[in-house]
């Protein structure tokens, strides 16, 4: 992936010098996590925070890979 598409650029850019927010990867992972938590009982164990975090990042990486095609 190129730097432009690998999730390292800001999700909501303002200024390169002033920016300190989420990367695209972090924003996608956050959205995936929100969806998983909102789904409630459809996930194996909603109390397993580490597993939910891992799956969120996996989904974010998959989206970034698809978008870079």
N, C-alpha and C. Protein backbone atom coordinates (compact mmCIF):
# COMPACT_ATOMS: atom_id res chain seq x y z
N UNK A 1 0.84 -1.19 0.00
CA UNK A 1 0.00 0.00 0.00
C UNK A 1 0.88 1.25 0.00
N UNK A 2 0.38 2.28 -0.57
CA UNK A 2 1.10 3.54 -0.55
C UNK A 2 0.79 4.27 0.75
N UNK A 3 1.58 5.29 1.07
CA UNK A 3 1.33 6.07 2.29
C UNK A 3 -0.06 6.69 2.26
N UNK A 4 -0.52 7.03 1.08
CA UNK A 4 -1.84 7.66 0.95
C UNK A 4 -2.95 6.70 1.32
N UNK A 5 -2.76 5.41 1.08
CA UNK A 5 -3.83 4.44 1.27
C UNK A 5 -3.63 3.48 2.43
N UNK A 6 -2.56 3.60 3.18
CA UNK A 6 -2.29 2.61 4.22
C UNK A 6 -2.90 2.94 5.57
N UNK A 7 -3.73 3.95 5.63
CA UNK A 7 -4.40 4.28 6.88
C UNK A 7 -3.62 5.21 7.79
N UNK A 8 -2.49 5.69 7.34
CA UNK A 8 -1.67 6.54 8.19
C UNK A 8 -1.99 8.02 8.06
N UNK A 9 -2.76 8.37 7.06
CA UNK A 9 -3.15 9.77 6.92
C UNK A 9 -4.34 10.08 7.82
N UNK A 10 -4.53 11.33 8.19
CA UNK A 10 -5.64 11.68 9.07
C UNK A 10 -7.00 11.40 8.45
N UNK A 11 -7.92 10.99 9.30
CA UNK A 11 -9.29 10.74 8.85
C UNK A 11 -10.01 12.05 8.58
N UNK A 12 -9.71 13.04 9.38
CA UNK A 12 -10.35 14.35 9.27
C UNK A 12 -9.26 15.42 9.24
N UNK A 13 -8.56 15.57 8.11
CA UNK A 13 -7.41 16.47 8.08
C UNK A 13 -7.78 17.94 8.26
N UNK A 14 -6.92 18.63 8.97
CA UNK A 14 -7.08 20.06 9.14
C UNK A 14 -5.81 20.74 8.66
N UNK A 15 -4.74 20.54 9.37
CA UNK A 15 -3.45 21.09 9.02
C UNK A 15 -2.38 20.08 9.42
N UNK A 16 -1.40 19.89 8.57
CA UNK A 16 -0.35 18.91 8.86
C UNK A 16 0.35 19.26 10.17
N UNK A 17 0.61 20.53 10.40
CA UNK A 17 1.32 20.94 11.60
C UNK A 17 0.47 20.81 12.87
N UNK A 18 -0.83 21.02 12.75
CA UNK A 18 -1.70 21.05 13.91
C UNK A 18 -2.41 19.72 14.17
N UNK A 19 -2.39 18.82 13.19
CA UNK A 19 -3.20 17.61 13.30
C UNK A 19 -2.67 16.67 14.37
N UNK A 20 -3.56 16.18 15.19
CA UNK A 20 -3.20 15.21 16.20
C UNK A 20 -4.32 14.22 16.43
N UNK A 21 -5.22 14.07 15.47
CA UNK A 21 -6.40 13.23 15.64
C UNK A 21 -6.23 11.83 15.13
N UNK A 22 -7.34 11.22 14.74
CA UNK A 22 -7.37 9.83 14.31
C UNK A 22 -6.85 9.66 12.89
N UNK A 23 -6.17 8.54 12.66
CA UNK A 23 -5.82 8.16 11.30
C UNK A 23 -7.05 7.52 10.67
N UNK A 24 -7.00 7.31 9.36
CA UNK A 24 -8.11 6.63 8.69
C UNK A 24 -8.29 5.23 9.29
N UNK A 25 -7.19 4.54 9.56
CA UNK A 25 -7.26 3.20 10.13
C UNK A 25 -7.95 3.22 11.49
N UNK A 26 -7.59 4.17 12.32
CA UNK A 26 -8.22 4.29 13.64
C UNK A 26 -9.71 4.62 13.52
N UNK A 27 -10.05 5.52 12.60
CA UNK A 27 -11.46 5.88 12.42
C UNK A 27 -12.27 4.69 11.92
N UNK A 28 -11.71 3.91 10.99
CA UNK A 28 -12.41 2.72 10.50
C UNK A 28 -12.56 1.68 11.60
N UNK A 29 -11.52 1.49 12.40
CA UNK A 29 -11.59 0.53 13.50
C UNK A 29 -12.63 0.98 14.53
N UNK A 30 -12.70 2.26 14.78
CA UNK A 30 -13.68 2.79 15.72
C UNK A 30 -15.10 2.52 15.22
N UNK A 31 -15.33 2.76 13.94
CA UNK A 31 -16.66 2.52 13.36
C UNK A 31 -17.00 1.03 13.43
N UNK A 32 -16.03 0.17 13.14
CA UNK A 32 -16.28 -1.27 13.21
C UNK A 32 -16.61 -1.69 14.64
N UNK A 33 -15.88 -1.15 15.60
CA UNK A 33 -16.13 -1.48 17.00
C UNK A 33 -17.53 -1.01 17.44
N UNK A 34 -17.91 0.17 17.02
CA UNK A 34 -19.24 0.66 17.35
C UNK A 34 -20.32 -0.25 16.80
N UNK A 35 -20.12 -0.72 15.58
CA UNK A 35 -21.08 -1.64 14.98
C UNK A 35 -21.17 -2.95 15.74
N UNK A 36 -20.02 -3.48 16.11
CA UNK A 36 -20.01 -4.74 16.86
C UNK A 36 -20.71 -4.59 18.21
N UNK A 37 -20.41 -3.51 18.89
CA UNK A 37 -21.02 -3.31 20.21
C UNK A 37 -22.51 -3.04 20.10
N UNK A 38 -22.92 -2.34 19.05
CA UNK A 38 -24.34 -2.06 18.85
C UNK A 38 -25.12 -3.33 18.51
N UNK A 39 -24.42 -4.29 17.87
CA UNK A 39 -25.07 -5.55 17.50
C UNK A 39 -25.39 -6.40 18.72
N UNK A 40 -24.71 -6.13 19.81
CA UNK A 40 -24.99 -6.83 21.06
C UNK A 40 -24.71 -8.31 21.01
N UNK A 41 -25.74 -9.11 21.19
CA UNK A 41 -25.59 -10.54 21.35
C UNK A 41 -25.14 -11.30 20.12
N UNK A 42 -25.03 -10.67 18.97
CA UNK A 42 -24.64 -11.41 17.78
C UNK A 42 -23.15 -11.74 17.76
N UNK A 43 -22.36 -11.13 18.63
CA UNK A 43 -20.94 -11.46 18.71
C UNK A 43 -20.75 -12.48 19.81
N UNK A 44 -19.74 -13.34 19.67
CA UNK A 44 -19.55 -14.45 20.62
C UNK A 44 -19.55 -14.03 22.09
N UNK A 45 -18.81 -13.01 22.43
CA UNK A 45 -18.77 -12.58 23.81
C UNK A 45 -18.50 -11.08 23.84
N UNK A 46 -19.55 -10.30 23.99
CA UNK A 46 -19.44 -8.84 23.96
C UNK A 46 -18.59 -8.32 25.12
N UNK A 47 -18.33 -9.15 26.11
CA UNK A 47 -17.51 -8.71 27.24
C UNK A 47 -16.02 -8.89 26.97
N UNK A 48 -15.67 -9.57 25.90
CA UNK A 48 -14.27 -9.83 25.57
C UNK A 48 -13.71 -8.63 24.80
N UNK A 49 -13.28 -7.63 25.54
CA UNK A 49 -12.82 -6.37 24.94
C UNK A 49 -11.63 -6.56 24.01
N UNK A 50 -10.69 -7.41 24.38
CA UNK A 50 -9.52 -7.63 23.54
C UNK A 50 -9.91 -8.23 22.19
N UNK A 51 -10.86 -9.15 22.18
CA UNK A 51 -11.30 -9.77 20.93
C UNK A 51 -12.06 -8.77 20.06
N UNK A 52 -12.88 -7.96 20.67
CA UNK A 52 -13.61 -6.94 19.91
C UNK A 52 -12.62 -5.94 19.30
N UNK A 53 -11.61 -5.54 20.06
CA UNK A 53 -10.60 -4.62 19.55
C UNK A 53 -9.84 -5.25 18.39
N UNK A 54 -9.44 -6.52 18.54
CA UNK A 54 -8.71 -7.22 17.49
C UNK A 54 -9.53 -7.30 16.21
N UNK A 55 -10.79 -7.69 16.34
CA UNK A 55 -11.67 -7.81 15.16
C UNK A 55 -11.91 -6.45 14.51
N UNK A 56 -11.98 -5.40 15.30
CA UNK A 56 -12.17 -4.05 14.76
C UNK A 56 -11.01 -3.65 13.87
N UNK A 57 -9.80 -3.93 14.34
CA UNK A 57 -8.60 -3.59 13.56
C UNK A 57 -8.52 -4.45 12.31
N UNK A 58 -8.87 -5.73 12.42
CA UNK A 58 -8.87 -6.61 11.24
C UNK A 58 -9.83 -6.07 10.18
N UNK A 59 -11.00 -5.65 10.60
CA UNK A 59 -11.97 -5.10 9.65
C UNK A 59 -11.47 -3.79 9.04
N UNK A 60 -10.85 -2.95 9.85
CA UNK A 60 -10.30 -1.69 9.34
C UNK A 60 -9.22 -1.96 8.30
N UNK A 61 -8.33 -2.90 8.60
CA UNK A 61 -7.26 -3.24 7.65
C UNK A 61 -7.83 -3.81 6.35
N UNK A 62 -8.87 -4.63 6.46
CA UNK A 62 -9.49 -5.19 5.26
C UNK A 62 -10.11 -4.09 4.40
N UNK A 63 -10.75 -3.12 5.03
CA UNK A 63 -11.33 -2.02 4.28
C UNK A 63 -10.25 -1.18 3.59
N UNK A 64 -9.17 -0.89 4.30
CA UNK A 64 -8.08 -0.12 3.70
C UNK A 64 -7.47 -0.88 2.52
N UNK A 65 -7.30 -2.19 2.66
CA UNK A 65 -6.75 -2.99 1.57
C UNK A 65 -7.66 -2.95 0.35
N UNK A 66 -8.97 -3.06 0.58
CA UNK A 66 -9.93 -3.03 -0.53
C UNK A 66 -9.95 -1.65 -1.19
N UNK A 67 -9.86 -0.61 -0.39
CA UNK A 67 -9.88 0.75 -0.94
C UNK A 67 -8.63 1.07 -1.74
N UNK A 68 -7.53 0.38 -1.45
CA UNK A 68 -6.27 0.66 -2.15
C UNK A 68 -6.19 -0.02 -3.51
N UNK A 69 -7.17 -0.87 -3.83
CA UNK A 69 -7.16 -1.57 -5.12
C UNK A 69 -7.54 -0.64 -6.26
